[in-house]
Protein backbone atom coordinates (compact mmCIF):
# COMPACT_ATOMS: atom_id res chain seq x y z
CA MET A 1 -91.90 31.68 59.20
CA ILE A 2 -90.58 32.74 55.80
CA TYR A 3 -92.31 31.38 52.69
CA SER A 4 -90.36 31.42 49.42
CA ILE A 5 -91.99 31.80 46.01
CA VAL A 6 -89.66 30.60 43.26
CA SER A 7 -89.83 31.58 39.56
CA PRO A 8 -87.41 30.07 37.02
CA VAL A 9 -85.63 32.47 34.65
CA HIS A 10 -83.97 31.68 31.31
CA ILE A 11 -81.88 34.29 29.48
CA PRO A 12 -80.87 33.27 25.95
CA ALA A 13 -77.26 33.48 24.81
CA GLY A 14 -76.22 36.98 23.79
CA LEU A 15 -78.55 38.95 26.04
CA ALA A 16 -76.43 39.00 29.20
CA GLY A 17 -73.23 37.48 27.85
CA PRO A 18 -72.13 34.85 25.35
CA ASP A 19 -73.77 31.95 27.18
CA PRO A 20 -77.39 31.28 28.12
CA MET A 21 -78.25 31.73 31.79
CA ASP A 22 -80.69 29.74 33.92
CA PHE A 23 -81.45 30.79 37.48
CA ASP A 24 -84.38 31.49 39.75
CA VAL A 25 -85.77 34.63 41.34
CA ARG A 26 -87.56 34.53 44.67
CA CYS A 27 -90.01 36.69 46.53
CA PHE A 28 -91.16 36.00 50.07
CA LEU A 29 -94.24 36.00 52.25
CA VAL A 30 -93.74 36.82 55.93
CA PRO A 31 -96.89 36.39 58.08
CA HIS A 32 -97.43 38.68 61.06
CA ALA A 33 -100.15 39.18 63.66
CA SER A 34 -102.54 41.07 61.39
CA GLY A 35 -101.72 39.78 57.92
CA VAL A 36 -98.85 39.08 55.57
CA THR A 37 -95.92 41.12 54.24
CA LEU A 38 -94.70 40.42 50.70
CA VAL A 39 -91.00 41.05 50.07
CA ASP A 40 -90.50 41.75 46.34
CA THR A 41 -93.03 40.87 43.65
CA GLY A 42 -90.88 38.84 41.28
CA LEU A 43 -91.54 38.72 37.54
CA ASP A 44 -94.94 39.48 36.07
CA ARG A 45 -95.52 35.73 35.78
CA SER A 46 -94.76 35.34 39.52
CA VAL A 47 -98.13 36.79 40.55
CA PRO A 48 -100.12 33.51 40.16
CA LEU A 49 -97.39 31.78 42.17
CA ILE A 50 -97.76 34.38 44.94
CA ALA A 51 -101.53 33.83 44.89
CA ALA A 52 -101.04 30.07 45.18
CA LYS A 53 -98.67 30.47 48.12
CA LEU A 54 -101.09 32.86 49.85
CA ALA A 55 -103.85 30.23 49.49
CA GLU A 56 -101.49 27.51 50.73
CA ILE A 57 -100.87 29.39 53.99
CA GLY A 58 -104.54 30.24 54.41
CA ALA A 59 -104.31 33.86 53.30
CA ALA A 60 -105.63 36.01 50.46
CA TRP A 61 -104.64 39.21 48.68
CA SER A 62 -106.74 41.13 51.20
CA ASP A 63 -104.34 39.92 53.93
CA VAL A 64 -101.30 41.56 52.28
CA THR A 65 -100.72 44.63 54.43
CA ASP A 66 -97.29 45.61 53.15
CA VAL A 67 -95.05 45.14 50.14
CA VAL A 68 -91.33 45.74 50.72
CA LEU A 69 -89.12 46.01 47.62
CA THR A 70 -85.43 45.21 47.95
CA HIS A 71 -84.60 47.16 44.76
CA HIS A 72 -85.97 48.26 41.41
CA HIS A 73 -84.64 45.60 39.01
CA PRO A 74 -87.42 44.11 36.86
CA ASP A 75 -87.00 40.54 38.11
CA HIS A 76 -87.97 41.88 41.57
CA THR A 77 -90.70 44.31 40.51
CA GLY A 78 -92.21 42.80 37.35
CA GLY A 79 -95.36 41.82 39.23
CA LEU A 80 -95.63 45.09 41.15
CA ALA A 81 -98.45 46.79 39.23
CA GLU A 82 -100.60 43.66 39.36
CA VAL A 83 -99.87 43.11 43.06
CA VAL A 84 -100.88 46.69 43.83
CA ALA A 85 -104.14 46.14 41.93
CA LEU A 86 -104.84 42.85 43.75
CA ALA A 87 -103.87 44.16 47.20
CA PRO A 88 -104.95 47.84 47.10
CA GLY A 89 -104.80 48.13 50.88
CA ALA A 90 -101.10 47.26 51.01
CA THR A 91 -98.48 49.93 51.69
CA VAL A 92 -95.54 49.67 49.28
CA ARG A 93 -92.13 50.59 50.69
CA ALA A 94 -88.64 50.65 49.20
CA GLY A 95 -85.28 52.40 49.36
CA ALA A 96 -85.50 56.14 48.68
CA HIS A 97 -82.73 56.07 46.05
CA ASP A 98 -84.41 53.63 43.64
CA THR A 99 -87.26 54.53 41.31
CA PHE A 100 -90.41 52.49 40.72
CA PRO A 101 -93.40 52.55 38.37
CA VAL A 102 -95.83 53.00 41.26
CA ALA A 103 -95.87 55.30 44.29
CA VAL A 104 -93.79 53.94 47.16
CA GLU A 105 -93.02 55.13 50.67
CA ALA A 106 -89.36 55.43 51.59
CA ALA A 107 -88.19 52.70 53.96
CA ALA A 108 -85.55 54.24 56.23
CA ASP A 109 -82.56 52.31 57.50
CA GLY A 110 -83.45 50.87 60.93
CA ALA A 111 -87.21 51.27 60.51
CA THR A 112 -89.43 48.33 61.51
CA ILE A 113 -92.26 47.14 59.26
CA ARG A 114 -94.45 44.43 60.86
CA GLY A 115 -91.49 42.84 62.63
CA LEU A 116 -89.10 43.30 59.69
CA ARG A 117 -86.17 45.63 60.32
CA VAL A 118 -85.07 47.60 57.27
CA VAL A 119 -81.33 47.45 56.58
CA ALA A 120 -80.01 49.83 53.93
CA THR A 121 -77.60 47.77 51.79
CA PRO A 122 -76.71 49.97 48.80
CA GLY A 123 -74.35 48.91 46.07
CA HIS A 124 -76.24 46.51 43.82
CA THR A 125 -78.50 49.53 43.30
CA ALA A 126 -78.35 52.89 45.06
CA GLY A 127 -81.49 52.16 47.07
CA HIS A 128 -81.02 48.43 47.65
CA LEU A 129 -82.22 47.24 51.03
CA SER A 130 -82.37 44.01 53.00
CA VAL A 131 -84.82 43.09 55.74
CA LEU A 132 -84.19 41.28 59.00
CA ALA A 133 -87.06 39.13 60.23
CA VAL A 134 -86.15 39.57 63.87
CA GLU A 135 -88.34 36.83 65.40
CA ASP A 136 -87.29 34.31 62.74
CA GLY A 137 -83.58 35.14 62.92
CA ALA A 138 -83.70 35.41 59.12
CA LEU A 139 -82.07 37.96 56.84
CA LEU A 140 -83.61 38.54 53.40
CA VAL A 141 -80.76 40.02 51.38
CA GLY A 142 -82.28 40.66 47.95
CA ASP A 143 -79.39 40.69 45.47
CA LEU A 144 -76.70 41.61 47.99
CA ALA A 145 -75.61 37.97 47.63
CA GLY A 146 -76.88 34.91 45.78
CA ASN A 147 -76.64 31.14 46.04
CA PRO A 148 -76.32 29.69 42.52
CA GLY A 149 -75.82 26.19 43.93
CA ASP A 150 -72.19 25.99 44.98
CA GLY A 151 -72.15 28.43 47.88
CA LEU A 152 -72.92 32.06 48.51
CA THR A 153 -71.58 34.53 45.91
CA ARG A 154 -71.53 38.26 45.39
CA ALA A 155 -74.05 39.67 42.91
CA PRO A 156 -72.72 39.71 39.31
CA GLN A 157 -70.70 42.86 38.67
CA ALA A 158 -72.49 43.42 35.37
CA PHE A 159 -75.72 44.06 37.25
CA THR A 160 -74.20 45.91 40.25
CA ALA A 161 -74.07 49.70 40.24
CA ASP A 162 -71.25 50.09 42.80
CA ALA A 163 -69.27 46.98 43.74
CA ALA A 164 -67.28 48.73 46.49
CA GLU A 165 -70.48 49.97 48.12
CA ALA A 166 -71.99 46.48 47.85
CA GLU A 167 -68.94 45.07 49.62
CA ARG A 168 -69.39 47.53 52.47
CA SER A 169 -73.03 46.45 52.70
CA LEU A 170 -72.01 42.78 52.93
CA HIS A 171 -69.77 43.62 55.88
CA LYS A 172 -72.60 45.64 57.43
CA VAL A 173 -75.05 42.71 57.40
CA ARG A 174 -72.35 40.41 58.76
CA ARG A 175 -72.70 42.30 62.05
CA LEU A 176 -76.44 41.57 62.32
CA ASP A 177 -77.97 38.86 64.50
CA PHE A 178 -79.38 36.17 62.21
CA ALA A 179 -79.07 32.43 61.61
CA ARG A 180 -80.67 31.95 58.17
CA LEU A 181 -79.96 33.99 55.06
CA TYR A 182 -82.46 34.19 52.19
CA PRO A 183 -81.06 35.46 48.88
CA SER A 184 -83.42 36.38 46.06
CA HIS A 185 -81.53 34.05 43.73
CA GLY A 186 -80.92 30.50 44.96
CA GLU A 187 -81.61 28.41 48.02
CA PRO A 188 -81.56 29.78 51.57
CA SER A 189 -78.20 29.70 53.28
CA ASP A 190 -76.77 30.62 56.68
CA ARG A 191 -74.38 32.87 58.55
CA LEU A 192 -71.44 30.51 58.01
CA ALA A 193 -71.79 30.84 54.24
CA LEU A 194 -71.58 34.63 54.57
CA GLU A 195 -68.50 34.31 56.77
CA GLN A 196 -66.91 32.04 54.16
CA LEU A 197 -67.75 34.48 51.38
CA LEU A 198 -66.14 37.39 53.22
CA GLY A 199 -63.17 35.34 54.40
């Protein structure tokens, strides 16, 4: 089971373009046999929402064994320092080519973390990664793609380090075995939506 934690984001006009932007950012809890893995930590204000979701599923910070970061952008790591303080026993892992404000272990392409298979998906950032929840048939894609409400889209070019590399990563995940797709921005989607995006 994948549990989404949703935080609304508002960017005023002029900060990221001429128009204001409203969207959400998501992090995820993935229970396993001996605890819970947290994928991304969201914004700093996401931490109480993570705590509430942990309580809702009958878990606590002490049950968080692992934190997996899809990439280093602040809407995915804003809560990281607080999460590390609240779950000091958790191992934090991320792509080796991104930098973070806390110590992280490199998550190698193909490695398995508590039933989550690491998939290197560079492009949005150099160290961007996705994770495949094998038993759930679910692919958590970070910012490799998003779902703003009218179908799956590529990440905005303004926030993507290497669009050509990101495109190669999209084609890489297309070959994986999954049914549900969980972007970090927008509602969950499915394999068909990815096929439609790639044409």
